[in-house]
Amino acid sequence: MFTSLRSRIYDTMLECSRDDDPGVKSSALRTLGVLVCHDPFRSDASLLCLVADVLPGGIQDSNINVRIRAGWTLANVCDSPGAAAFDVDRVAELLRLAMHAAGDNEKCRPSGVRAIGNAIRSAPLAFITRFAESDVREAALTVLRHVDTGPVKARWNAVHALGSLLRSAHLDLGRVTWRAEVVCRLAGAAAGTGAGPTAAARNFKVRIGAAAALQAVRSAAGVGGAAEARRLADELTCAATALGNNSTAAAAAAGGLVGSTAAAGAEAEPKAGAPTGPSVFPAPSVDVGFGELRYKVRLQEQ
């Protein structure tokens, strides 16, 4: 009985998502976005496809509230386990919708960039192989444009999306030509030295999200080799030190980047001028991995 009720609700929401009334349409799309986060909908590709079929009308609707809900639901669909079973054409369509949302009103952009990362992370090998230097590259560069500028919510979703993109099981970072730009931009965001306004560049949630995204880099080849990995580590350490120059307490709390090689198991010497010793304030840390090189980024809100 409960299964039958769920099916009726699902069918009703799909029908309402095509309603002419913007209020009904946006509410139905939001409900579908909630449903695809739960079983059996989240694991069933055929049920997810039914939702995907109604999203184009929502993403391109003239009403901003409808577009906001459609973008949120799109990101949830792409994040569902069942999305891994989508074929190349379906992924291409979802990515096109996500990029449209990412270029829309600032209230739509956070979901748009999140959907881009989720779509690429779950994309099949055939899609990544075929479009790594075209559609995937364009999507990655679209997300990059939101890392340093715009509302903080869009910036945090952008670094989160890059982490999702880099976690694709089929994406070979050692081969793609746009690798360095993505990794360097994430490193700058983690250090709080992004190109955007100072206050936004130092946003704590964005910095943690960027550092967490760097965990997706599984090998030194993913950043251009061990030398480049060490250069990024030095850049992060210098940036963390510079951010704390105006206050001894802030310098200690801002934290630094401590590098080590897993193979040798030895802790590297801290860079000259880098903050050392225990933090004055409790600072969360995020492990960042470049394959054989391991780093710990310790961040404190400015």
Protein backbone atom coordinates (compact mmCIF):
# COMPACT_ATOMS: atom_id res chain seq x y z
CA MET A 1 0.00 0.00 0.00
CA PHE A 2 2.80 2.40 0.94
CA THR A 3 4.62 1.60 -2.30
CA SER A 4 1.48 2.34 -4.28
CA LEU A 5 1.04 5.65 -2.42
CA ARG A 6 4.63 6.67 -3.17
CA SER A 7 4.11 5.93 -6.85
CA ARG A 8 0.94 8.02 -6.90
CA ILE A 9 2.72 10.93 -5.22
CA TYR A 10 5.58 10.67 -7.70
CA ASP A 11 3.23 10.59 -10.68
CA THR A 12 1.22 13.51 -9.31
CA MET A 13 4.34 15.63 -8.79
CA LEU A 14 5.54 14.87 -12.30
CA GLU A 15 2.21 16.03 -13.66
CA CYS A 16 2.16 19.16 -11.49
CA SER A 17 5.69 20.06 -12.56
CA ARG A 18 4.19 20.87 -15.96
CA ASP A 19 1.38 23.00 -14.53
CA ASP A 20 0.81 26.50 -15.90
CA ASP A 21 0.68 28.00 -12.40
CA PRO A 22 4.24 28.99 -11.31
CA GLY A 23 3.44 28.29 -7.65
CA VAL A 24 2.25 24.76 -8.37
CA LYS A 25 5.11 24.12 -10.74
CA SER A 26 7.85 25.31 -8.39
CA SER A 27 6.38 23.37 -5.43
CA ALA A 28 6.15 20.20 -7.50
CA LEU A 29 9.74 20.54 -8.68
CA ARG A 30 10.94 21.05 -5.12
CA THR A 31 9.02 17.96 -3.97
CA LEU A 32 10.63 15.93 -6.75
CA GLY A 33 14.00 17.24 -5.61
CA VAL A 34 13.31 15.87 -2.14
CA LEU A 35 12.03 12.53 -3.41
CA VAL A 36 15.13 11.83 -5.53
CA CYS A 37 17.22 12.03 -2.37
CA HIS A 38 15.51 8.93 -0.98
CA ASP A 39 15.03 5.31 -2.02
CA PRO A 40 13.69 3.85 -4.17
CA PHE A 41 13.82 6.96 -6.37
CA ARG A 42 17.49 7.86 -5.84
CA SER A 43 18.74 4.43 -6.96
CA ASP A 44 16.40 3.85 -9.89
CA ALA A 45 17.72 5.35 -13.13
CA SER A 46 14.36 4.99 -14.89
CA LEU A 47 12.57 6.99 -12.18
CA LEU A 48 15.31 9.63 -12.22
CA CYS A 49 14.94 9.91 -15.98
CA LEU A 50 11.25 10.76 -15.55
CA VAL A 51 12.28 13.72 -13.39
CA ALA A 52 15.06 14.69 -15.80
CA ASP A 53 12.49 14.85 -18.59
CA VAL A 54 10.54 17.64 -16.87
CA LEU A 55 13.58 19.71 -15.89
CA PRO A 56 14.18 21.54 -19.21
CA GLY A 57 10.83 23.27 -18.87
CA GLY A 58 11.67 24.35 -15.34
CA ILE A 59 15.25 25.45 -16.00
CA GLN A 60 14.10 27.68 -18.88
CA ASP A 61 10.88 28.92 -17.26
CA SER A 62 10.23 32.69 -17.19
CA ASN A 63 9.49 32.58 -13.44
CA ILE A 64 12.59 32.88 -11.24
CA ASN A 65 11.13 30.74 -8.43
CA VAL A 66 10.48 27.90 -10.86
CA ARG A 67 14.04 28.11 -12.18
CA ILE A 68 15.50 28.09 -8.67
CA ARG A 69 13.59 24.91 -7.73
CA ALA A 70 14.36 23.24 -11.05
CA GLY A 71 18.09 23.92 -10.63
CA TRP A 72 18.07 22.51 -7.10
CA THR A 73 16.27 19.39 -8.26
CA LEU A 74 18.67 19.03 -11.19
CA ALA A 75 21.65 19.04 -8.84
CA ASN A 76 19.97 16.40 -6.66
CA VAL A 77 19.20 14.18 -9.65
CA CYS A 78 22.83 14.33 -10.77
CA ASP A 79 23.94 13.53 -7.22
CA SER A 80 21.78 10.39 -6.94
CA PRO A 81 23.44 6.94 -7.19
CA GLY A 82 21.12 6.02 -10.04
CA ALA A 83 22.62 8.79 -12.18
CA ALA A 84 25.67 6.58 -12.72
CA ALA A 85 23.52 4.49 -15.07
CA PHE A 86 22.68 7.42 -17.36
CA ASP A 87 23.85 7.11 -20.95
CA VAL A 88 26.04 9.63 -22.78
CA ASP A 89 23.12 11.55 -24.32
CA ARG A 90 21.35 11.90 -20.99
CA VAL A 91 24.50 13.18 -19.26
CA ALA A 92 25.12 15.65 -22.09
CA GLU A 93 21.57 17.03 -21.74
CA LEU A 94 21.84 17.35 -17.94
CA LEU A 95 25.21 19.08 -18.27
CA ARG A 96 23.73 21.51 -20.79
CA LEU A 97 20.92 22.36 -18.36
CA ALA A 98 23.40 22.74 -15.49
CA MET A 99 25.53 25.17 -17.45
CA HIS A 100 22.42 27.15 -18.38
CA ALA A 101 21.50 27.41 -14.69
CA ALA A 102 25.09 28.37 -13.78
CA GLY A 103 24.80 31.37 -16.09
CA ASP A 104 21.36 32.40 -14.86
CA ASN A 105 20.28 34.69 -12.01
CA GLU A 106 22.59 34.67 -8.96
CA LYS A 107 19.97 32.68 -7.03
CA CYS A 108 20.14 29.91 -9.64
CA ARG A 109 23.93 29.75 -9.96
CA PRO A 110 24.73 27.80 -6.77
CA SER A 111 22.59 24.85 -7.88
CA GLY A 112 23.84 25.19 -11.44
CA VAL A 113 27.51 24.82 -10.55
CA ARG A 114 26.73 22.04 -8.06
CA ALA A 115 24.86 20.18 -10.79
CA ILE A 116 27.85 20.52 -13.14
CA GLY A 117 30.17 18.85 -10.65
CA ASN A 118 27.69 16.09 -9.85
CA ALA A 119 26.93 15.38 -13.51
CA ILE A 120 30.59 14.97 -14.43
CA ARG A 121 31.40 12.90 -11.35
CA SER A 122 28.69 10.36 -12.25
CA ALA A 123 29.27 10.48 -16.03
CA PRO A 124 30.19 7.18 -17.73
CA LEU A 125 33.64 6.47 -19.15
CA ALA A 126 32.35 6.90 -22.71
CA PHE A 127 31.28 10.48 -21.95
CA ILE A 128 34.54 11.48 -20.22
CA THR A 129 36.66 9.89 -22.95
CA ARG A 130 34.74 11.62 -25.71
CA PHE A 131 34.27 15.06 -24.16
CA ALA A 132 37.21 15.56 -21.73
CA GLU A 133 38.66 18.38 -23.85
CA SER A 134 35.37 19.86 -25.01
CA ASP A 135 32.20 19.70 -22.90
CA VAL A 136 33.96 18.72 -19.66
CA ARG A 137 36.61 21.40 -20.13
CA GLU A 138 33.96 24.04 -20.85
CA ALA A 139 32.01 22.95 -17.77
CA ALA A 140 35.12 23.10 -15.56
CA LEU A 141 35.97 26.60 -16.80
CA THR A 142 32.36 27.67 -16.22
CA VAL A 143 32.62 26.58 -12.59
CA LEU A 144 36.02 28.29 -12.23
CA ARG A 145 34.43 31.63 -13.07
CA HIS A 146 32.41 31.37 -9.87
CA VAL A 147 35.26 30.45 -7.51
CA ASP A 148 36.50 34.00 -6.88
CA THR A 149 33.50 36.18 -7.69
CA GLY A 150 29.80 36.41 -6.94
CA PRO A 151 27.79 35.52 -3.82
CA VAL A 152 29.54 33.39 -1.22
CA LYS A 153 26.94 30.64 -1.65
CA ALA A 154 27.80 30.35 -5.35
CA ARG A 155 31.54 30.41 -4.54
CA TRP A 156 31.25 27.62 -2.00
CA ASN A 157 29.16 25.53 -4.39
CA ALA A 158 31.78 26.18 -7.08
CA VAL A 159 34.67 24.76 -5.04
CA HIS A 160 32.43 21.87 -3.98
CA ALA A 161 31.58 21.25 -7.65
CA LEU A 162 35.26 21.21 -8.61
CA GLY A 163 35.85 18.61 -5.91
CA SER A 164 33.02 16.50 -7.35
CA LEU A 165 34.39 16.93 -10.86
CA LEU A 166 37.90 15.89 -9.80
CA ARG A 167 36.47 12.80 -8.08
CA SER A 168 35.26 11.35 -11.37
CA ALA A 169 36.53 7.78 -11.51
CA HIS A 170 37.10 8.15 -15.26
CA LEU A 171 38.83 11.53 -15.40
CA ASP A 172 42.62 11.28 -15.84
CA LEU A 173 43.98 14.53 -14.42
CA GLY A 174 47.44 13.73 -15.70
CA ARG A 175 46.22 14.07 -19.30
CA VAL A 176 43.70 16.92 -19.40
CA THR A 177 45.07 20.29 -20.51
CA TRP A 178 42.97 22.34 -18.07
CA ARG A 179 44.22 20.53 -14.94
CA ALA A 180 46.67 23.19 -13.74
CA GLU A 181 44.15 26.03 -13.85
CA VAL A 182 41.64 24.10 -11.73
CA VAL A 183 44.13 22.93 -9.11
CA CYS A 184 45.90 26.31 -8.82
CA ARG A 185 42.58 28.13 -8.44
CA LEU A 186 41.54 25.73 -5.70
CA ALA A 187 44.87 26.23 -3.95
CA GLY A 188 44.39 29.98 -4.08
CA ALA A 189 40.86 29.69 -2.71
CA ALA A 190 42.05 27.40 0.12
CA ALA A 191 44.76 29.90 1.06
CA GLY A 192 42.28 32.77 0.93
CA THR A 193 44.14 34.59 -1.85
CA GLY A 194 41.50 34.37 -4.57
CA ALA A 195 40.97 37.10 -7.15
CA GLY A 196 37.70 38.25 -5.62
CA PRO A 197 37.11 40.85 -2.90
CA THR A 198 39.30 40.29 0.17
CA ALA A 199 36.40 39.53 2.51
CA ALA A 200 34.97 36.97 0.11
CA ALA A 201 38.37 35.47 -0.68
CA ARG A 202 38.87 34.72 3.01
CA ASN A 203 35.45 33.20 3.62
CA PHE A 204 35.97 30.27 5.95
CA LYS A 205 33.47 27.92 4.32
CA VAL A 206 34.89 28.57 0.84
CA ARG A 207 38.45 27.93 2.07
CA ILE A 208 37.53 24.63 3.72
CA GLY A 209 35.56 23.57 0.65
CA ALA A 210 38.53 24.33 -1.61
CA ALA A 211 40.94 22.42 0.64
CA ALA A 212 38.56 19.47 0.74
CA ALA A 213 38.26 19.55 -3.05
CA LEU A 214 42.04 19.21 -3.34
CA GLN A 215 41.76 15.81 -1.64
CA ALA A 216 40.38 14.51 -4.92
CA VAL A 217 43.81 14.85 -6.55
CA ARG A 218 45.09 11.30 -6.21
CA SER A 219 48.56 11.61 -7.71
CA ALA A 220 51.32 14.17 -8.17
CA ALA A 221 50.67 13.86 -11.91
CA GLY A 222 47.29 15.44 -11.22
CA VAL A 223 49.03 18.74 -10.43
CA GLY A 224 51.83 18.45 -12.95
CA GLY A 225 54.35 16.46 -10.94
CA ALA A 226 55.99 16.47 -7.49
CA ALA A 227 57.77 19.79 -8.10
CA GLU A 228 54.48 21.55 -8.87
CA ALA A 229 52.86 19.95 -5.83
CA ARG A 230 55.63 21.34 -3.60
CA ARG A 231 55.32 24.76 -5.25
CA LEU A 232 51.60 24.83 -4.44
CA ALA A 233 52.36 23.78 -0.87
CA ASP A 234 54.83 26.66 -0.52
CA GLU A 235 52.28 29.06 -2.02
CA LEU A 236 49.66 28.00 0.51
CA THR A 237 52.11 28.34 3.39
CA CYS A 238 53.20 31.85 2.35
CA ALA A 239 49.59 32.90 1.85
CA ALA A 240 48.56 31.65 5.28
CA THR A 241 51.48 33.54 6.83
CA ALA A 242 50.64 36.77 4.97
CA LEU A 243 47.04 36.65 6.10
CA GLY A 244 48.14 36.70 9.72
CA ASN A 245 50.80 39.41 9.52
CA ASN A 246 48.66 42.00 11.31
CA SER A 247 48.14 39.91 14.43
CA THR A 248 50.24 37.37 16.29
CA ALA A 249 47.11 35.55 17.40
CA ALA A 250 45.68 35.58 13.87
CA ALA A 251 48.99 34.34 12.47
CA ALA A 252 48.96 31.38 14.83
CA ALA A 253 45.28 30.70 14.24
CA ALA A 254 45.49 31.04 10.46
CA GLY A 255 47.70 27.98 10.45
CA GLY A 256 50.14 26.85 7.83
CA LEU A 257 50.76 24.05 5.48
CA VAL A 258 52.96 21.22 6.76
CA GLY A 259 54.28 18.91 4.10
CA SER A 260 55.56 15.37 4.33
CA THR A 261 56.36 12.52 2.01
CA ALA A 262 54.39 9.41 2.81
CA ALA A 263 57.13 7.14 1.55
CA ALA A 264 59.80 8.58 3.83
CA GLY A 265 57.39 9.21 6.67
CA ALA A 266 59.40 12.28 7.67
CA GLU A 267 57.92 15.67 8.45
CA ALA A 268 59.19 18.43 6.18
CA GLU A 269 60.82 21.59 7.53
CA PRO A 270 58.29 24.42 7.79
CA LYS A 271 58.85 27.27 5.36
CA ALA A 272 60.67 30.27 6.83
CA GLY A 273 58.23 32.67 8.43
CA ALA A 274 55.37 30.17 8.52
CA PRO A 275 53.33 30.13 11.76
CA THR A 276 54.40 27.35 14.08
CA GLY A 277 53.29 25.97 17.40
CA PRO A 278 49.77 25.35 18.67
CA SER A 279 47.00 27.56 17.39
CA VAL A 280 45.70 30.22 19.73
CA PHE A 281 42.18 29.48 18.52
CA PRO A 282 40.88 26.01 17.65
CA ALA A 283 41.39 25.62 13.92
CA PRO A 284 39.95 22.74 11.88
CA SER A 285 42.33 21.01 9.54
CA VAL A 286 41.85 19.31 6.21
CA ASP A 287 44.23 16.72 4.79
CA VAL A 288 45.20 17.49 1.22
CA GLY A 289 46.74 14.72 -0.86
CA PHE A 290 48.87 14.96 -3.97
CA GLY A 291 49.47 11.21 -4.31
CA GLU A 292 52.74 10.45 -2.57
CA LEU A 293 52.78 13.93 -1.04
CA ARG A 294 50.52 14.64 1.92
CA TYR A 295 49.72 18.02 3.40
CA LYS A 296 47.55 19.33 6.19
CA VAL A 297 45.87 22.68 5.73
CA ARG A 298 44.89 24.33 9.00
CA LEU A 299 42.42 27.16 8.55
CA GLN A 300 40.94 29.77 10.82
CA GLU A 301 38.19 32.23 9.95
CA GLN A 302 39.58 35.72 9.41
